[in-house]
Amino acid sequence: GALTLETTDTAAAAANIQITADGTFEVDATTITLDSAGDIVLDAGGNDFNFKSGGTEVLRISNSSSDVVIKPTVDTKDIIFQQFDGTEVARVEDNGTFNVATAKLAINGTAITSTAAELNYSDGVTSAIQTQIDAKASTGKAIAMAIVFG
């Protein structure tokens, strides 16, 4: 069996709620608001939360062995993080590139001020090169100390 509730507003627009015997719950309305004085719990035994627009799935949040997977489900689309005012602060692109807005990257609150070109310059530095750099720094310190202390 099924339970169907149908209401109409003053303009005779229908808003339907249907609950079927298998537990399927469907609401046909312009806007659906969940409002609770306590918590709102979404519990998906199938491990997926699917977000659709016009019937097309655009985003899925999944449980994968207790890891949370956030995945756009439309090919060649990005995940964009924005501030309240709509300013983009970060984007995960379809090709896996993670872009952060200029001058916004920090580690533990310390801003990273190097440019990508500067960071790429030091990319691939081997321990042998690092040892040479350290040796030159030590030599420079020794020369400076000899000048100062005679």
N, C-alpha and C. Protein backbone atom coordinates (compact mmCIF):
# COMPACT_ATOMS: atom_id res chain seq x y z
N GLY A 1 0.81 -1.18 0.00
CA GLY A 1 0.00 0.00 0.00
C GLY A 1 0.85 1.24 0.00
N ALA A 2 0.18 2.35 -0.22
CA ALA A 2 0.84 3.65 -0.23
C ALA A 2 -0.05 4.67 0.44
N LEU A 3 0.57 5.62 1.06
CA LEU A 3 -0.14 6.74 1.66
C LEU A 3 0.19 7.97 0.84
N THR A 4 -0.81 8.65 0.34
CA THR A 4 -0.59 9.85 -0.47
C THR A 4 -1.34 11.01 0.15
N LEU A 5 -0.63 12.12 0.36
CA LEU A 5 -1.24 13.35 0.84
C LEU A 5 -1.10 14.39 -0.24
N GLU A 6 -2.19 15.05 -0.57
CA GLU A 6 -2.11 16.10 -1.58
C GLU A 6 -2.81 17.33 -1.04
N THR A 7 -2.07 18.45 -1.10
CA THR A 7 -2.65 19.72 -0.67
C THR A 7 -2.57 20.69 -1.84
N THR A 8 -3.36 21.68 -1.82
CA THR A 8 -3.28 22.72 -2.84
C THR A 8 -3.22 24.07 -2.15
N ASP A 9 -2.46 24.99 -2.75
CA ASP A 9 -2.40 26.34 -2.20
C ASP A 9 -3.52 27.18 -2.81
N THR A 10 -3.54 28.45 -2.48
CA THR A 10 -4.62 29.32 -2.96
C THR A 10 -4.63 29.45 -4.48
N ALA A 11 -3.51 29.17 -5.14
CA ALA A 11 -3.46 29.22 -6.61
C ALA A 11 -3.75 27.85 -7.22
N ALA A 12 -4.20 26.89 -6.40
CA ALA A 12 -4.54 25.53 -6.81
C ALA A 12 -3.32 24.73 -7.27
N ALA A 13 -2.12 25.12 -6.82
CA ALA A 13 -0.92 24.34 -7.12
C ALA A 13 -0.83 23.19 -6.14
N ALA A 14 -0.57 21.99 -6.64
CA ALA A 14 -0.52 20.80 -5.79
C ALA A 14 0.85 20.63 -5.16
N ALA A 15 0.87 20.16 -3.92
CA ALA A 15 2.09 19.76 -3.23
C ALA A 15 1.80 18.36 -2.72
N ASN A 16 2.54 17.39 -3.18
CA ASN A 16 2.24 16.00 -2.88
C ASN A 16 3.30 15.36 -2.00
N ILE A 17 2.86 14.52 -1.09
CA ILE A 17 3.73 13.69 -0.27
C ILE A 17 3.24 12.26 -0.43
N GLN A 18 4.19 11.35 -0.74
CA GLN A 18 3.80 9.95 -0.91
C GLN A 18 4.78 9.08 -0.15
N ILE A 19 4.24 8.16 0.65
CA ILE A 19 5.04 7.18 1.37
C ILE A 19 4.53 5.81 0.94
N THR A 20 5.43 4.98 0.40
CA THR A 20 5.02 3.65 -0.05
C THR A 20 5.41 2.61 0.99
N ALA A 21 4.88 1.41 0.82
CA ALA A 21 5.09 0.34 1.79
C ALA A 21 6.56 -0.04 1.95
N ASP A 22 7.38 0.17 0.91
CA ASP A 22 8.80 -0.18 1.01
C ASP A 22 9.61 0.89 1.72
N GLY A 23 8.94 1.97 2.19
CA GLY A 23 9.61 3.03 2.92
C GLY A 23 10.06 4.18 2.05
N THR A 24 9.76 4.12 0.76
CA THR A 24 10.12 5.22 -0.13
C THR A 24 9.29 6.45 0.23
N PHE A 25 9.96 7.58 0.35
CA PHE A 25 9.31 8.83 0.70
C PHE A 25 9.57 9.83 -0.42
N GLU A 26 8.51 10.34 -1.01
CA GLU A 26 8.65 11.29 -2.11
C GLU A 26 7.86 12.55 -1.79
N VAL A 27 8.46 13.68 -2.08
CA VAL A 27 7.79 14.96 -1.91
C VAL A 27 7.89 15.71 -3.22
N ASP A 28 6.77 16.19 -3.71
CA ASP A 28 6.73 16.98 -4.93
C ASP A 28 6.32 18.39 -4.54
N ALA A 29 7.31 19.28 -4.44
CA ALA A 29 7.04 20.65 -4.04
C ALA A 29 8.11 21.56 -4.63
N THR A 30 7.88 22.85 -4.60
CA THR A 30 8.85 23.80 -5.12
C THR A 30 10.09 23.88 -4.24
N THR A 31 9.88 23.99 -2.93
CA THR A 31 10.97 24.07 -1.96
C THR A 31 10.66 23.15 -0.80
N ILE A 32 11.67 22.43 -0.33
CA ILE A 32 11.51 21.56 0.83
C ILE A 32 12.45 22.07 1.92
N THR A 33 11.90 22.31 3.09
CA THR A 33 12.69 22.80 4.22
C THR A 33 12.65 21.78 5.33
N LEU A 34 13.83 21.37 5.81
CA LEU A 34 13.92 20.52 6.99
C LEU A 34 14.31 21.43 8.15
N ASP A 35 13.48 21.48 9.15
CA ASP A 35 13.71 22.38 10.29
C ASP A 35 13.54 21.56 11.56
N SER A 36 14.52 21.59 12.42
CA SER A 36 14.48 20.79 13.63
C SER A 36 15.04 21.58 14.80
N ALA A 37 14.42 21.43 15.95
CA ALA A 37 14.96 22.05 17.17
C ALA A 37 16.20 21.29 17.62
N GLY A 38 16.34 20.05 17.17
CA GLY A 38 17.52 19.24 17.48
C GLY A 38 18.37 19.06 16.24
N ASP A 39 18.94 17.89 16.08
CA ASP A 39 19.79 17.59 14.94
C ASP A 39 18.97 17.06 13.77
N ILE A 40 19.53 17.14 12.59
CA ILE A 40 18.98 16.48 11.41
C ILE A 40 20.00 15.42 11.01
N VAL A 41 19.58 14.18 10.99
CA VAL A 41 20.48 13.07 10.72
C VAL A 41 20.12 12.46 9.36
N LEU A 42 21.12 12.33 8.50
CA LEU A 42 20.94 11.62 7.24
C LEU A 42 21.74 10.32 7.36
N ASP A 43 21.08 9.20 7.24
CA ASP A 43 21.72 7.90 7.44
C ASP A 43 21.47 7.04 6.21
N ALA A 44 22.50 6.88 5.39
CA ALA A 44 22.36 6.13 4.14
C ALA A 44 23.06 4.78 4.29
N GLY A 45 22.28 3.71 4.41
CA GLY A 45 22.84 2.37 4.53
C GLY A 45 23.60 1.94 3.28
N GLY A 46 23.33 2.57 2.14
CA GLY A 46 24.04 2.26 0.90
C GLY A 46 25.35 3.01 0.77
N ASN A 47 25.69 3.86 1.76
CA ASN A 47 26.95 4.61 1.86
C ASN A 47 27.08 5.80 0.92
N ASP A 48 26.02 6.17 0.19
CA ASP A 48 26.11 7.28 -0.74
C ASP A 48 25.02 8.32 -0.48
N PHE A 49 25.40 9.58 -0.58
CA PHE A 49 24.46 10.70 -0.61
C PHE A 49 24.58 11.29 -2.00
N ASN A 50 23.51 11.26 -2.77
CA ASN A 50 23.52 11.72 -4.15
C ASN A 50 22.78 13.04 -4.25
N PHE A 51 23.42 14.02 -4.86
CA PHE A 51 22.81 15.34 -5.05
C PHE A 51 22.49 15.50 -6.53
N LYS A 52 21.23 15.80 -6.80
CA LYS A 52 20.78 15.92 -8.19
C LYS A 52 20.24 17.31 -8.46
N SER A 53 20.30 17.69 -9.72
CA SER A 53 19.70 18.92 -10.21
C SER A 53 18.91 18.57 -11.46
N GLY A 54 17.59 18.75 -11.39
CA GLY A 54 16.76 18.41 -12.54
C GLY A 54 16.83 16.94 -12.92
N GLY A 55 17.07 16.07 -11.93
CA GLY A 55 17.15 14.64 -12.18
C GLY A 55 18.53 14.13 -12.53
N THR A 56 19.50 15.02 -12.77
CA THR A 56 20.86 14.62 -13.11
C THR A 56 21.75 14.72 -11.88
N GLU A 57 22.39 13.61 -11.53
CA GLU A 57 23.29 13.62 -10.38
C GLU A 57 24.50 14.49 -10.69
N VAL A 58 24.84 15.42 -9.77
CA VAL A 58 25.98 16.31 -9.96
C VAL A 58 27.07 16.11 -8.91
N LEU A 59 26.70 15.52 -7.76
CA LEU A 59 27.67 15.34 -6.68
C LEU A 59 27.30 14.11 -5.87
N ARG A 60 28.32 13.39 -5.43
CA ARG A 60 28.10 12.24 -4.55
C ARG A 60 29.08 12.32 -3.40
N ILE A 61 28.57 12.11 -2.20
CA ILE A 61 29.41 11.97 -1.01
C ILE A 61 29.25 10.53 -0.55
N SER A 62 30.37 9.81 -0.48
CA SER A 62 30.32 8.37 -0.19
C SER A 62 31.18 8.02 1.02
N ASN A 63 30.80 6.91 1.65
CA ASN A 63 31.60 6.30 2.70
C ASN A 63 32.36 5.15 2.05
N SER A 64 33.69 5.21 2.09
CA SER A 64 34.52 4.15 1.54
C SER A 64 35.45 3.67 2.64
N SER A 65 35.07 2.62 3.33
CA SER A 65 35.85 2.09 4.47
C SER A 65 36.12 3.19 5.49
N SER A 66 35.10 3.98 5.78
CA SER A 66 35.13 5.11 6.73
C SER A 66 35.91 6.32 6.22
N ASP A 67 36.43 6.28 4.98
CA ASP A 67 36.97 7.48 4.34
C ASP A 67 35.80 8.19 3.67
N VAL A 68 35.81 9.52 3.69
CA VAL A 68 34.76 10.30 3.04
C VAL A 68 35.24 10.69 1.66
N VAL A 69 34.46 10.33 0.65
CA VAL A 69 34.80 10.63 -0.75
C VAL A 69 33.79 11.65 -1.26
N ILE A 70 34.29 12.82 -1.69
CA ILE A 70 33.45 13.86 -2.28
C ILE A 70 33.77 13.87 -3.76
N LYS A 71 32.76 13.62 -4.59
CA LYS A 71 33.05 13.40 -6.00
C LYS A 71 31.99 14.06 -6.89
N PRO A 72 32.43 14.98 -7.79
CA PRO A 72 31.48 15.46 -8.79
C PRO A 72 31.19 14.31 -9.75
N THR A 73 29.95 14.19 -10.19
CA THR A 73 29.59 13.05 -11.05
C THR A 73 29.28 13.47 -12.48
N VAL A 74 29.58 14.71 -12.81
CA VAL A 74 29.46 15.17 -14.19
C VAL A 74 30.89 15.34 -14.71
N ASP A 75 31.20 14.71 -15.84
CA ASP A 75 32.56 14.71 -16.37
C ASP A 75 33.05 16.13 -16.67
N THR A 76 34.31 16.36 -16.43
CA THR A 76 35.05 17.60 -16.67
C THR A 76 34.53 18.78 -15.84
N LYS A 77 33.97 18.51 -14.68
CA LYS A 77 33.53 19.59 -13.79
C LYS A 77 34.42 19.63 -12.56
N ASP A 78 34.52 20.80 -11.94
CA ASP A 78 35.40 21.05 -10.81
C ASP A 78 34.61 21.10 -9.50
N ILE A 79 35.35 21.03 -8.39
CA ILE A 79 34.80 21.33 -7.08
C ILE A 79 35.36 22.69 -6.69
N ILE A 80 34.48 23.64 -6.39
CA ILE A 80 34.88 25.01 -6.12
C ILE A 80 34.50 25.38 -4.68
N PHE A 81 35.46 25.95 -3.95
CA PHE A 81 35.21 26.44 -2.60
C PHE A 81 35.12 27.96 -2.66
N GLN A 82 34.04 28.50 -2.11
CA GLN A 82 33.84 29.95 -2.13
C GLN A 82 33.58 30.47 -0.73
N GLN A 83 33.93 31.73 -0.53
CA GLN A 83 33.56 32.45 0.69
C GLN A 83 32.10 32.85 0.59
N PHE A 84 31.55 33.37 1.68
CA PHE A 84 30.15 33.79 1.72
C PHE A 84 29.82 34.78 0.61
N ASP A 85 30.76 35.69 0.30
CA ASP A 85 30.49 36.71 -0.72
C ASP A 85 30.65 36.19 -2.15
N GLY A 86 30.96 34.91 -2.30
CA GLY A 86 31.09 34.32 -3.63
C GLY A 86 32.50 34.31 -4.17
N THR A 87 33.46 34.88 -3.42
CA THR A 87 34.85 34.88 -3.86
C THR A 87 35.40 33.46 -3.84
N GLU A 88 35.97 33.04 -4.95
CA GLU A 88 36.56 31.71 -5.02
C GLU A 88 37.88 31.70 -4.26
N VAL A 89 38.04 30.71 -3.35
CA VAL A 89 39.28 30.61 -2.59
C VAL A 89 40.10 29.38 -2.98
N ALA A 90 39.43 28.35 -3.52
CA ALA A 90 40.15 27.16 -3.96
C ALA A 90 39.30 26.39 -4.97
N ARG A 91 39.98 25.63 -5.82
CA ARG A 91 39.29 24.84 -6.84
C ARG A 91 40.06 23.55 -7.07
N VAL A 92 39.35 22.43 -7.06
CA VAL A 92 39.92 21.16 -7.45
C VAL A 92 39.43 20.92 -8.87
N GLU A 93 40.36 20.98 -9.81
CA GLU A 93 39.99 20.87 -11.22
C GLU A 93 39.84 19.42 -11.64
N ASP A 94 39.15 19.23 -12.75
CA ASP A 94 38.89 17.89 -13.28
C ASP A 94 40.18 17.11 -13.51
N ASN A 95 41.28 17.79 -13.81
CA ASN A 95 42.55 17.09 -14.08
C ASN A 95 43.35 16.79 -12.81
N GLY A 96 42.76 17.11 -11.63
CA GLY A 96 43.42 16.83 -10.36
C GLY A 96 44.23 18.00 -9.81
N THR A 97 44.33 19.08 -10.56
CA THR A 97 45.05 20.25 -10.10
C THR A 97 44.29 20.90 -8.95
N PHE A 98 45.00 21.27 -7.89
CA PHE A 98 44.40 21.98 -6.76
C PHE A 98 44.90 23.42 -6.80
N ASN A 99 44.01 24.35 -7.08
CA ASN A 99 44.38 25.76 -7.17
C ASN A 99 43.86 26.51 -5.96
N VAL A 100 44.72 27.33 -5.38
CA VAL A 100 44.34 28.19 -4.26
C VAL A 100 44.48 29.63 -4.74
N ALA A 101 43.57 30.48 -4.30
CA ALA A 101 43.60 31.89 -4.70
C ALA A 101 44.96 32.50 -4.36
N THR A 102 45.42 33.42 -5.18
CA THR A 102 46.71 34.08 -5.00
C THR A 102 46.84 34.63 -3.59
N ALA A 103 47.99 34.38 -2.98
CA ALA A 103 48.35 34.88 -1.65
C ALA A 103 47.45 34.31 -0.56
N LYS A 104 46.87 33.14 -0.78
CA LYS A 104 45.99 32.56 0.23
C LYS A 104 46.50 31.23 0.78
N LEU A 105 47.63 30.74 0.32
CA LEU A 105 48.13 29.44 0.77
C LEU A 105 48.96 29.63 2.04
N ALA A 106 48.64 28.82 3.05
CA ALA A 106 49.37 28.88 4.32
C ALA A 106 49.48 27.47 4.89
N ILE A 107 50.50 27.27 5.70
CA ILE A 107 50.65 26.02 6.44
C ILE A 107 50.71 26.40 7.92
N ASN A 108 49.80 25.85 8.70
CA ASN A 108 49.69 26.17 10.12
C ASN A 108 49.66 27.68 10.37
N GLY A 109 48.95 28.41 9.53
CA GLY A 109 48.79 29.84 9.72
C GLY A 109 49.93 30.69 9.18
N THR A 110 51.00 30.07 8.69
CA THR A 110 52.13 30.82 8.14
C THR A 110 51.98 30.88 6.63
N ALA A 111 51.89 32.10 6.12
CA ALA A 111 51.70 32.29 4.68
C ALA A 111 52.90 31.78 3.90
N ILE A 112 52.62 31.13 2.78
CA ILE A 112 53.67 30.71 1.85
C ILE A 112 53.77 31.83 0.82
N THR A 113 54.91 32.50 0.81
CA THR A 113 55.05 33.67 -0.05
C THR A 113 55.84 33.38 -1.33
N SER A 114 56.40 32.19 -1.44
CA SER A 114 57.13 31.83 -2.66
C SER A 114 56.16 31.70 -3.81
N THR A 115 56.62 32.08 -4.99
CA THR A 115 55.81 31.88 -6.19
C THR A 115 55.95 30.44 -6.65
N ALA A 116 55.09 30.02 -7.53
CA ALA A 116 55.19 28.66 -8.08
C ALA A 116 56.53 28.48 -8.78
N ALA A 117 56.99 29.52 -9.48
CA ALA A 117 58.28 29.44 -10.18
C ALA A 117 59.42 29.24 -9.18
N GLU A 118 59.37 29.95 -8.05
CA GLU A 118 60.42 29.81 -7.03
C GLU A 118 60.40 28.41 -6.43
N LEU A 119 59.22 27.89 -6.16
CA LEU A 119 59.12 26.54 -5.61
C LEU A 119 59.59 25.52 -6.63
N ASN A 120 59.26 25.72 -7.89
CA ASN A 120 59.69 24.79 -8.93
C ASN A 120 61.21 24.82 -9.11
N TYR A 121 61.85 25.96 -8.85
CA TYR A 121 63.30 26.07 -8.96
C TYR A 121 63.99 25.10 -8.00
N SER A 122 63.43 24.95 -6.80
CA SER A 122 64.04 24.07 -5.81
C SER A 122 63.54 22.63 -5.93
N ASP A 123 62.59 22.38 -6.83
CA ASP A 123 62.05 21.04 -7.02
C ASP A 123 63.16 20.11 -7.52
N GLY A 124 63.25 18.96 -6.93
CA GLY A 124 64.23 17.98 -7.38
C GLY A 124 65.61 18.15 -6.78
N VAL A 125 65.75 19.04 -5.79
CA VAL A 125 67.05 19.21 -5.14
C VAL A 125 67.40 17.91 -4.44
N THR A 126 68.58 17.38 -4.75
CA THR A 126 69.00 16.11 -4.16
C THR A 126 69.76 16.39 -2.87
N SER A 127 69.94 15.34 -2.09
CA SER A 127 70.67 15.49 -0.83
C SER A 127 72.10 15.94 -1.09
N ALA A 128 72.71 15.53 -2.22
CA ALA A 128 74.08 15.94 -2.52
C ALA A 128 74.15 17.45 -2.74
N ILE A 129 73.17 18.00 -3.45
CA ILE A 129 73.15 19.45 -3.68
C ILE A 129 72.89 20.16 -2.36
N GLN A 130 71.97 19.62 -1.54
CA GLN A 130 71.68 20.24 -0.25
C GLN A 130 72.93 20.25 0.62
N THR A 131 73.73 19.18 0.58
CA THR A 131 74.98 19.12 1.35
C THR A 131 75.93 20.21 0.90
N GLN A 132 76.02 20.44 -0.42
CA GLN A 132 76.88 21.50 -0.94
C GLN A 132 76.40 22.88 -0.48
N ILE A 133 75.09 23.09 -0.52
CA ILE A 133 74.55 24.37 -0.06
C ILE A 133 74.87 24.58 1.40
N ASP A 134 74.69 23.54 2.22
CA ASP A 134 74.99 23.64 3.64
C ASP A 134 76.47 23.92 3.88
N ALA A 135 77.34 23.28 3.09
CA ALA A 135 78.79 23.49 3.23
C ALA A 135 79.16 24.92 2.90
N LYS A 136 78.57 25.47 1.84
CA LYS A 136 78.85 26.85 1.47
C LYS A 136 78.37 27.81 2.56
N ALA A 137 77.22 27.49 3.17
CA ALA A 137 76.72 28.34 4.25
C ALA A 137 77.67 28.28 5.43
N SER A 138 78.21 27.08 5.75
CA SER A 138 79.15 26.95 6.86
C SER A 138 80.44 27.70 6.56
N THR A 139 80.93 27.62 5.32
CA THR A 139 82.14 28.33 4.92
C THR A 139 81.94 29.83 5.06
N GLY A 140 80.77 30.30 4.63
CA GLY A 140 80.46 31.72 4.73
C GLY A 140 80.44 32.17 6.18
N LYS A 141 79.89 31.34 7.06
CA LYS A 141 79.84 31.68 8.49
C LYS A 141 81.26 31.72 9.06
N ALA A 142 82.09 30.76 8.64
CA ALA A 142 83.46 30.71 9.15
C ALA A 142 84.24 31.95 8.71
N ILE A 143 84.07 32.38 7.46
CA ILE A 143 84.76 33.57 6.96
C ILE A 143 84.28 34.81 7.72
N ALA A 144 82.96 34.91 7.94
CA ALA A 144 82.41 36.05 8.66
C ALA A 144 82.94 36.10 10.08
N MET A 145 83.03 34.92 10.73
CA MET A 145 83.53 34.88 12.11
C MET A 145 85.01 35.25 12.15
N ALA A 146 85.78 34.81 11.15
CA ALA A 146 87.21 35.15 11.12
C ALA A 146 87.40 36.65 10.95
N ILE A 147 86.57 37.30 10.15
CA ILE A 147 86.67 38.75 9.96
C ILE A 147 86.32 39.48 11.26
N VAL A 148 85.26 39.02 11.91
CA VAL A 148 84.80 39.69 13.13
C VAL A 148 85.76 39.49 14.27
N PHE A 149 86.22 38.25 14.45
CA PHE A 149 87.04 37.94 15.61
C PHE A 149 88.54 37.96 15.32
N GLY A 150 88.91 38.22 14.08
CA GLY A 150 90.31 38.33 13.71
C GLY A 150 90.93 37.01 13.70
